[in-house]
N, C-alpha and C. Protein backbone atom coordinates (compact mmCIF):
# COMPACT_ATOMS: atom_id res chain seq x y z
N MET A 1 -9.18 -5.39 -38.80
CA MET A 1 -8.15 -5.09 -37.82
C MET A 1 -8.28 -6.09 -36.67
N PRO A 2 -7.17 -6.74 -36.29
CA PRO A 2 -7.23 -7.72 -35.20
C PRO A 2 -7.49 -7.03 -33.86
N MET A 3 -8.20 -7.75 -33.00
CA MET A 3 -8.51 -7.20 -31.68
C MET A 3 -7.27 -7.29 -30.79
N ALA A 4 -7.15 -6.31 -29.92
CA ALA A 4 -6.03 -6.31 -28.97
C ALA A 4 -6.21 -7.44 -27.97
N GLU A 5 -5.09 -8.03 -27.59
CA GLU A 5 -5.13 -9.10 -26.61
C GLU A 5 -5.57 -8.53 -25.26
N PRO A 6 -6.44 -9.25 -24.53
CA PRO A 6 -6.91 -8.71 -23.25
C PRO A 6 -5.77 -8.59 -22.23
N VAL A 7 -5.88 -7.57 -21.41
CA VAL A 7 -4.89 -7.33 -20.36
C VAL A 7 -5.38 -8.03 -19.09
N PRO A 8 -4.53 -8.78 -18.40
CA PRO A 8 -4.95 -9.41 -17.15
C PRO A 8 -5.39 -8.36 -16.13
N GLN A 9 -6.42 -8.71 -15.37
CA GLN A 9 -6.96 -7.79 -14.37
C GLN A 9 -7.19 -8.50 -13.05
N MET A 10 -7.28 -7.71 -12.00
CA MET A 10 -7.65 -8.18 -10.67
C MET A 10 -8.75 -7.27 -10.15
N LEU A 11 -9.49 -7.78 -9.18
CA LEU A 11 -10.56 -7.02 -8.55
C LEU A 11 -10.11 -6.63 -7.15
N THR A 12 -10.31 -5.38 -6.79
CA THR A 12 -9.90 -4.88 -5.49
C THR A 12 -11.00 -4.04 -4.87
N ALA A 13 -10.91 -3.87 -3.56
CA ALA A 13 -11.82 -3.01 -2.80
C ALA A 13 -11.14 -2.71 -1.47
N ASN A 14 -11.78 -1.87 -0.68
CA ASN A 14 -11.30 -1.60 0.69
C ASN A 14 -12.33 -2.14 1.67
N ARG A 15 -11.84 -2.82 2.70
CA ARG A 15 -12.73 -3.32 3.74
C ARG A 15 -13.28 -2.12 4.50
N LEU A 16 -14.59 -2.07 4.66
CA LEU A 16 -15.24 -0.93 5.30
C LEU A 16 -14.85 -0.81 6.77
N ARG A 17 -14.68 -1.91 7.46
CA ARG A 17 -14.39 -1.90 8.90
C ARG A 17 -13.08 -1.20 9.24
N ASP A 18 -12.02 -1.46 8.47
CA ASP A 18 -10.70 -0.91 8.82
C ASP A 18 -9.95 -0.27 7.65
N GLY A 19 -10.52 -0.27 6.47
CA GLY A 19 -9.89 0.37 5.33
C GLY A 19 -8.84 -0.44 4.62
N ASP A 20 -8.56 -1.66 5.08
CA ASP A 20 -7.53 -2.49 4.44
C ASP A 20 -7.88 -2.77 2.98
N VAL A 21 -6.84 -2.84 2.17
CA VAL A 21 -6.99 -3.19 0.76
C VAL A 21 -7.23 -4.69 0.66
N LEU A 22 -8.22 -5.08 -0.13
CA LEU A 22 -8.56 -6.49 -0.32
C LEU A 22 -8.54 -6.83 -1.80
N TYR A 23 -8.37 -8.12 -2.08
CA TYR A 23 -8.36 -8.62 -3.45
C TYR A 23 -9.32 -9.80 -3.53
N TRP A 24 -9.98 -9.94 -4.66
CA TRP A 24 -10.98 -10.97 -4.89
C TRP A 24 -10.33 -12.31 -5.21
N LYS A 25 -10.89 -13.37 -4.60
CA LYS A 25 -10.43 -14.72 -4.92
C LYS A 25 -11.61 -15.67 -4.76
N ALA A 26 -12.11 -16.16 -5.87
CA ALA A 26 -13.14 -17.20 -5.89
C ALA A 26 -14.33 -16.88 -4.99
N GLY A 27 -14.88 -15.68 -5.12
CA GLY A 27 -16.08 -15.32 -4.38
C GLY A 27 -15.86 -14.80 -2.98
N ALA A 28 -14.62 -14.55 -2.60
CA ALA A 28 -14.31 -14.02 -1.27
C ALA A 28 -13.18 -13.00 -1.40
N TRP A 29 -12.78 -12.42 -0.27
CA TRP A 29 -11.73 -11.40 -0.27
C TRP A 29 -10.50 -11.91 0.48
N VAL A 30 -9.33 -11.59 -0.04
CA VAL A 30 -8.05 -11.91 0.61
C VAL A 30 -7.26 -10.61 0.76
N GLU A 31 -6.30 -10.60 1.68
CA GLU A 31 -5.57 -9.37 1.96
C GLU A 31 -4.31 -9.18 1.13
N ALA A 32 -3.73 -10.23 0.61
CA ALA A 32 -2.46 -10.11 -0.12
C ALA A 32 -2.67 -10.16 -1.62
N LEU A 33 -2.00 -9.27 -2.32
CA LEU A 33 -2.05 -9.24 -3.78
C LEU A 33 -1.70 -10.61 -4.37
N LYS A 34 -0.67 -11.24 -3.82
CA LYS A 34 -0.21 -12.52 -4.36
C LYS A 34 -1.25 -13.62 -4.24
N ASP A 35 -2.21 -13.45 -3.32
CA ASP A 35 -3.26 -14.46 -3.12
C ASP A 35 -4.50 -14.19 -3.95
N GLY A 36 -4.59 -13.03 -4.58
CA GLY A 36 -5.77 -12.66 -5.36
C GLY A 36 -5.86 -13.40 -6.68
N GLU A 37 -7.05 -13.37 -7.25
CA GLU A 37 -7.32 -14.04 -8.52
C GLU A 37 -7.04 -13.10 -9.69
N VAL A 38 -6.31 -13.58 -10.67
CA VAL A 38 -6.02 -12.82 -11.88
C VAL A 38 -6.97 -13.29 -12.97
N PHE A 39 -7.64 -12.35 -13.62
CA PHE A 39 -8.57 -12.65 -14.70
C PHE A 39 -7.91 -12.35 -16.03
N ALA A 40 -7.72 -13.38 -16.83
CA ALA A 40 -7.08 -13.21 -18.14
C ALA A 40 -8.06 -12.69 -19.18
N GLU A 41 -9.34 -12.89 -18.96
CA GLU A 41 -10.39 -12.47 -19.90
C GLU A 41 -11.31 -11.47 -19.21
N SER A 42 -11.96 -10.62 -20.01
CA SER A 42 -12.81 -9.60 -19.43
C SER A 42 -14.15 -10.14 -18.92
N ALA A 43 -14.69 -11.20 -19.52
CA ALA A 43 -15.99 -11.73 -19.08
C ALA A 43 -15.95 -12.22 -17.63
N PRO A 44 -14.99 -13.07 -17.24
CA PRO A 44 -14.97 -13.48 -15.83
C PRO A 44 -14.64 -12.32 -14.88
N ALA A 45 -13.85 -11.36 -15.33
CA ALA A 45 -13.54 -10.19 -14.51
C ALA A 45 -14.81 -9.38 -14.26
N ASP A 46 -15.59 -9.16 -15.30
CA ASP A 46 -16.85 -8.42 -15.16
C ASP A 46 -17.84 -9.18 -14.27
N ALA A 47 -17.86 -10.51 -14.39
CA ALA A 47 -18.74 -11.32 -13.54
C ALA A 47 -18.33 -11.22 -12.08
N ALA A 48 -17.04 -11.21 -11.81
CA ALA A 48 -16.55 -11.07 -10.44
C ALA A 48 -16.91 -9.70 -9.88
N LEU A 49 -16.79 -8.67 -10.70
CA LEU A 49 -17.15 -7.31 -10.27
C LEU A 49 -18.63 -7.24 -9.92
N THR A 50 -19.46 -7.89 -10.72
CA THR A 50 -20.90 -7.94 -10.45
C THR A 50 -21.17 -8.69 -9.14
N ALA A 51 -20.50 -9.81 -8.94
CA ALA A 51 -20.67 -10.59 -7.71
C ALA A 51 -20.20 -9.80 -6.49
N ALA A 52 -19.15 -9.00 -6.66
CA ALA A 52 -18.60 -8.23 -5.54
C ALA A 52 -19.56 -7.15 -5.07
N GLN A 53 -20.50 -6.76 -5.91
CA GLN A 53 -21.45 -5.72 -5.52
C GLN A 53 -22.30 -6.12 -4.33
N SER A 54 -22.51 -7.43 -4.12
CA SER A 54 -23.26 -7.86 -2.94
C SER A 54 -22.50 -7.53 -1.66
N PHE A 55 -21.16 -7.54 -1.72
CA PHE A 55 -20.35 -7.17 -0.56
C PHE A 55 -20.39 -5.66 -0.33
N VAL A 56 -20.56 -4.90 -1.42
CA VAL A 56 -20.69 -3.45 -1.30
C VAL A 56 -22.03 -3.11 -0.66
N THR A 57 -23.12 -3.70 -1.17
CA THR A 57 -24.44 -3.42 -0.60
C THR A 57 -24.58 -3.98 0.81
N GLY A 58 -23.80 -5.00 1.16
CA GLY A 58 -23.81 -5.56 2.51
C GLY A 58 -22.88 -4.83 3.47
N ASN A 59 -22.29 -3.71 3.02
CA ASN A 59 -21.40 -2.89 3.85
C ASN A 59 -20.18 -3.65 4.37
N VAL A 60 -19.65 -4.54 3.54
CA VAL A 60 -18.42 -5.25 3.89
C VAL A 60 -17.23 -4.54 3.27
N VAL A 61 -17.37 -4.12 2.00
CA VAL A 61 -16.31 -3.41 1.28
C VAL A 61 -16.87 -2.17 0.62
N VAL A 62 -15.97 -1.28 0.22
CA VAL A 62 -16.34 -0.10 -0.57
C VAL A 62 -15.43 -0.01 -1.78
N SER A 63 -15.90 0.66 -2.80
CA SER A 63 -15.11 0.98 -3.99
C SER A 63 -14.50 -0.23 -4.68
N ALA A 64 -15.31 -1.21 -5.00
CA ALA A 64 -14.80 -2.37 -5.75
C ALA A 64 -14.58 -1.98 -7.21
N TYR A 65 -13.41 -2.34 -7.74
CA TYR A 65 -13.11 -2.04 -9.15
C TYR A 65 -12.03 -2.98 -9.65
N LEU A 66 -11.92 -3.05 -10.97
CA LEU A 66 -10.90 -3.87 -11.64
C LEU A 66 -9.68 -3.00 -11.96
N PHE A 67 -8.50 -3.61 -11.93
CA PHE A 67 -7.29 -2.90 -12.32
C PHE A 67 -6.38 -3.85 -13.09
N ASP A 68 -5.55 -3.27 -13.95
CA ASP A 68 -4.65 -4.05 -14.80
C ASP A 68 -3.42 -4.53 -14.02
N VAL A 69 -2.99 -5.74 -14.35
CA VAL A 69 -1.78 -6.31 -13.76
C VAL A 69 -0.91 -6.93 -14.84
N ARG A 70 0.32 -7.16 -14.47
CA ARG A 70 1.27 -7.88 -15.32
C ARG A 70 1.68 -9.11 -14.52
N VAL A 71 1.68 -10.26 -15.16
CA VAL A 71 2.04 -11.50 -14.49
C VAL A 71 3.29 -12.07 -15.17
N ASP A 72 4.29 -12.40 -14.36
CA ASP A 72 5.50 -13.03 -14.89
C ASP A 72 5.99 -14.08 -13.91
N GLU A 73 7.17 -14.60 -14.12
CA GLU A 73 7.70 -15.67 -13.27
C GLU A 73 7.94 -15.21 -11.83
N ASN A 74 7.99 -13.90 -11.61
CA ASN A 74 8.21 -13.36 -10.26
C ASN A 74 6.91 -13.05 -9.53
N GLY A 75 5.78 -13.25 -10.19
CA GLY A 75 4.50 -13.01 -9.52
C GLY A 75 3.62 -12.01 -10.24
N ILE A 76 2.73 -11.40 -9.46
CA ILE A 76 1.75 -10.44 -9.97
C ILE A 76 2.27 -9.03 -9.68
N HIS A 77 2.17 -8.17 -10.69
CA HIS A 77 2.65 -6.79 -10.54
C HIS A 77 1.58 -5.83 -11.03
N PRO A 78 1.07 -4.94 -10.16
CA PRO A 78 0.14 -3.92 -10.63
C PRO A 78 0.82 -3.03 -11.67
N VAL A 79 0.05 -2.57 -12.63
CA VAL A 79 0.60 -1.74 -13.71
C VAL A 79 0.63 -0.27 -13.29
N GLU A 80 -0.41 0.20 -12.66
CA GLU A 80 -0.51 1.61 -12.30
C GLU A 80 0.12 1.90 -10.94
N GLU A 81 0.69 3.08 -10.80
CA GLU A 81 1.36 3.49 -9.57
C GLU A 81 0.42 3.42 -8.36
N ARG A 82 -0.82 3.82 -8.54
CA ARG A 82 -1.79 3.80 -7.45
C ARG A 82 -1.91 2.39 -6.87
N GLU A 83 -1.99 1.41 -7.73
CA GLU A 83 -2.16 0.03 -7.26
C GLU A 83 -0.87 -0.53 -6.65
N ILE A 84 0.27 -0.08 -7.13
CA ILE A 84 1.54 -0.48 -6.53
C ILE A 84 1.59 0.00 -5.09
N ILE A 85 1.19 1.25 -4.86
CA ILE A 85 1.18 1.82 -3.52
C ILE A 85 0.15 1.12 -2.64
N ARG A 86 -1.05 0.89 -3.16
CA ARG A 86 -2.10 0.22 -2.37
C ARG A 86 -1.67 -1.19 -1.97
N ALA A 87 -0.99 -1.89 -2.87
CA ALA A 87 -0.56 -3.26 -2.57
C ALA A 87 0.53 -3.29 -1.51
N ALA A 88 1.34 -2.24 -1.45
CA ALA A 88 2.44 -2.18 -0.48
C ALA A 88 1.98 -1.80 0.92
N GLY A 89 0.83 -1.19 1.03
CA GLY A 89 0.34 -0.77 2.34
C GLY A 89 0.58 0.70 2.57
N PRO A 90 0.21 1.19 3.74
CA PRO A 90 0.37 2.62 4.03
C PRO A 90 1.79 3.09 3.75
N SER A 91 1.91 4.26 3.17
CA SER A 91 3.22 4.75 2.75
C SER A 91 3.91 5.59 3.81
N VAL A 92 3.44 5.55 5.03
CA VAL A 92 4.00 6.38 6.07
C VAL A 92 5.23 5.73 6.71
N ARG A 93 5.08 4.53 7.24
CA ARG A 93 6.19 3.83 7.89
C ARG A 93 6.19 2.38 7.45
N GLU A 94 7.36 1.89 7.05
CA GLU A 94 7.47 0.51 6.59
C GLU A 94 7.49 -0.51 7.72
N ASP A 95 7.68 -0.07 8.94
CA ASP A 95 7.74 -1.01 10.06
C ASP A 95 6.37 -1.28 10.67
N LEU A 96 5.33 -0.66 10.16
CA LEU A 96 3.97 -0.84 10.67
C LEU A 96 3.06 -1.34 9.56
N GLY A 97 1.97 -1.94 9.92
CA GLY A 97 0.98 -2.39 8.95
C GLY A 97 1.45 -3.58 8.15
N LYS A 98 0.71 -3.88 7.09
CA LYS A 98 1.02 -5.08 6.31
C LYS A 98 2.33 -4.97 5.55
N GLN A 99 2.82 -3.75 5.29
CA GLN A 99 4.08 -3.62 4.59
C GLN A 99 5.25 -4.14 5.40
N ALA A 100 5.09 -4.27 6.72
CA ALA A 100 6.15 -4.83 7.56
C ALA A 100 6.26 -6.34 7.39
N SER A 101 5.21 -6.97 6.88
CA SER A 101 5.18 -8.43 6.73
C SER A 101 5.65 -8.92 5.37
N TYR A 102 5.71 -8.02 4.39
CA TYR A 102 6.03 -8.43 3.03
C TYR A 102 7.27 -7.68 2.53
N PRO A 103 8.04 -8.28 1.64
CA PRO A 103 9.16 -7.55 1.05
C PRO A 103 8.64 -6.41 0.18
N PRO A 104 9.44 -5.40 -0.08
CA PRO A 104 9.00 -4.28 -0.91
C PRO A 104 8.56 -4.75 -2.29
N LEU A 105 7.54 -4.10 -2.83
CA LEU A 105 7.06 -4.42 -4.17
C LEU A 105 7.98 -3.77 -5.19
N GLU A 106 7.63 -3.92 -6.44
CA GLU A 106 8.40 -3.35 -7.53
C GLU A 106 8.64 -1.87 -7.26
N GLY A 107 9.83 -1.41 -7.47
CA GLY A 107 10.18 -0.04 -7.17
C GLY A 107 11.06 0.04 -5.94
N GLY A 108 11.09 -1.02 -5.15
CA GLY A 108 11.99 -1.10 -4.02
C GLY A 108 11.49 -0.45 -2.76
N SER A 109 12.35 -0.44 -1.78
CA SER A 109 12.05 0.08 -0.47
C SER A 109 12.10 1.59 -0.46
N LYS A 110 11.33 2.18 0.44
CA LYS A 110 11.39 3.62 0.65
C LYS A 110 12.46 3.98 1.67
N ASN A 111 13.05 2.97 2.31
CA ASN A 111 14.07 3.17 3.33
C ASN A 111 15.39 3.54 2.66
N PRO A 112 15.95 4.73 2.98
CA PRO A 112 17.20 5.14 2.33
C PRO A 112 18.34 4.15 2.52
N GLU A 113 18.36 3.39 3.62
CA GLU A 113 19.42 2.42 3.84
C GLU A 113 19.36 1.27 2.85
N ASP A 114 18.16 1.02 2.29
CA ASP A 114 17.99 -0.04 1.32
C ASP A 114 18.04 0.47 -0.12
N PHE A 115 18.31 1.76 -0.28
CA PHE A 115 18.25 2.39 -1.58
C PHE A 115 19.26 1.78 -2.55
N SER A 116 18.79 1.42 -3.73
CA SER A 116 19.70 0.82 -4.70
C SER A 116 19.53 1.45 -6.08
N GLY A 117 19.02 2.66 -6.11
CA GLY A 117 18.75 3.33 -7.38
C GLY A 117 19.86 4.25 -7.78
N ARG A 118 19.53 5.52 -7.98
CA ARG A 118 20.49 6.51 -8.48
C ARG A 118 21.35 7.07 -7.36
N GLY A 119 22.57 6.67 -7.25
CA GLY A 119 23.50 7.26 -6.30
C GLY A 119 23.54 6.55 -4.97
N ALA A 120 24.33 7.09 -4.07
CA ALA A 120 24.53 6.48 -2.75
C ALA A 120 23.39 6.83 -1.82
N ALA A 121 23.15 5.95 -0.88
CA ALA A 121 22.11 6.19 0.12
C ALA A 121 22.57 7.23 1.12
N GLN A 122 21.68 8.07 1.53
CA GLN A 122 21.93 9.03 2.57
C GLN A 122 21.16 8.56 3.81
N THR A 123 21.85 8.11 4.83
CA THR A 123 21.20 7.61 6.02
C THR A 123 20.84 8.79 6.91
N PRO A 124 19.54 8.97 7.19
CA PRO A 124 19.14 10.09 8.03
C PRO A 124 19.46 9.81 9.49
N ASN A 125 19.55 10.88 10.27
CA ASN A 125 19.73 10.76 11.71
C ASN A 125 18.49 10.07 12.28
N LYS A 126 18.68 8.91 12.92
CA LYS A 126 17.56 8.12 13.41
C LYS A 126 16.83 8.78 14.58
N ASN A 127 17.50 9.67 15.32
CA ASN A 127 16.88 10.30 16.47
C ASN A 127 17.22 11.79 16.45
N PRO A 128 16.59 12.54 15.56
CA PRO A 128 16.95 13.96 15.43
C PRO A 128 16.56 14.73 16.69
N ALA A 129 17.40 15.69 17.06
CA ALA A 129 17.09 16.55 18.20
C ALA A 129 16.25 17.71 17.71
N PRO A 130 14.99 17.77 18.10
CA PRO A 130 14.12 18.84 17.61
C PRO A 130 14.55 20.21 18.14
N LYS A 131 14.29 21.22 17.37
CA LYS A 131 14.67 22.57 17.74
C LYS A 131 13.45 23.44 18.04
N SER A 132 12.25 22.93 17.75
CA SER A 132 11.06 23.72 18.02
C SER A 132 9.92 22.82 18.48
N ALA A 133 8.91 23.43 19.06
CA ALA A 133 7.74 22.66 19.50
C ALA A 133 7.06 21.97 18.32
N ALA A 134 7.07 22.60 17.16
CA ALA A 134 6.44 21.99 15.98
C ALA A 134 7.16 20.71 15.59
N GLN A 135 8.49 20.71 15.67
CA GLN A 135 9.24 19.51 15.35
C GLN A 135 8.96 18.40 16.36
N ILE A 136 8.84 18.75 17.63
CA ILE A 136 8.56 17.75 18.64
C ILE A 136 7.21 17.12 18.39
N SER A 137 6.22 17.91 18.05
CA SER A 137 4.87 17.38 17.89
C SER A 137 4.74 16.48 16.67
N THR A 138 5.67 16.55 15.72
CA THR A 138 5.57 15.71 14.53
C THR A 138 6.40 14.44 14.61
N LEU A 139 7.22 14.28 15.67
CA LEU A 139 8.01 13.07 15.81
C LEU A 139 7.15 11.93 16.33
N PRO A 140 7.44 10.69 15.91
CA PRO A 140 6.72 9.56 16.49
C PRO A 140 6.91 9.52 18.00
N GLN A 141 5.92 8.99 18.69
CA GLN A 141 5.96 8.97 20.14
C GLN A 141 7.24 8.31 20.65
N GLY A 142 7.89 8.96 21.61
CA GLY A 142 9.10 8.41 22.21
C GLY A 142 10.37 8.75 21.47
N GLU A 143 10.30 9.55 20.40
CA GLU A 143 11.49 9.87 19.63
C GLU A 143 11.89 11.34 19.78
N GLY A 144 11.56 11.94 20.91
CA GLY A 144 11.87 13.35 21.12
C GLY A 144 13.29 13.60 21.55
N GLY A 145 14.03 12.55 21.87
CA GLY A 145 15.40 12.73 22.32
C GLY A 145 15.45 13.47 23.64
N LYS A 146 16.56 14.16 23.92
CA LYS A 146 16.69 14.86 25.20
C LYS A 146 15.93 16.17 25.21
N ASP A 147 15.66 16.74 24.03
CA ASP A 147 14.91 17.99 23.96
C ASP A 147 13.43 17.67 23.99
N THR A 148 12.78 18.05 25.07
CA THR A 148 11.34 17.85 25.17
C THR A 148 10.70 19.19 25.43
N MET A 149 9.41 19.20 25.46
CA MET A 149 8.70 20.44 25.71
C MET A 149 9.11 21.07 27.05
N ASP A 150 9.48 20.26 28.03
CA ASP A 150 9.85 20.77 29.35
C ASP A 150 11.17 21.55 29.31
N SER A 151 11.99 21.36 28.30
CA SER A 151 13.29 22.03 28.28
C SER A 151 13.28 23.36 27.54
N PHE A 152 12.13 23.79 27.05
CA PHE A 152 12.04 25.05 26.33
C PHE A 152 11.60 26.17 27.26
N ASP A 153 12.16 27.35 27.09
CA ASP A 153 11.75 28.52 27.86
C ASP A 153 10.52 29.10 27.17
N VAL A 154 9.39 29.07 27.85
CA VAL A 154 8.16 29.55 27.26
C VAL A 154 7.70 30.86 27.91
N SER A 155 8.56 31.52 28.66
CA SER A 155 8.18 32.77 29.30
C SER A 155 7.99 33.86 28.27
N ILE A 156 7.09 34.76 28.59
CA ILE A 156 6.78 35.84 27.64
C ILE A 156 7.30 37.15 28.16
């Protein structure tokens, strides 16, 4: 029985200092997926993982591991959903962190205004007027609108 063709892989870890996702490139770490090294064979991938352990024991990175990628004319694409999310950056707000510097990865933007999938985009109210203290406390700073904690009757 013929052996299966090896799947390209990359090496990743998180920087211990700030938690940023890093990718291996020629004995060092880079922040962008597109700048990372793709291993077409398992032997060099395993050697890189072994070399990366010195960064783990030196408290530079944590959780170094290999993951599968697909490479085509458009670049490098993680195969698993977890790696797609890690490569895009924090999934909370697209205007902050490294995701603000790069175009959306495969799967598109999370912003409803950029939605190009199933159906029409529903644009949310950019500055919702909160109706309760719980809603106010969950809005990003400065987005409370005219309703603030001072405008609520808190008498018992």
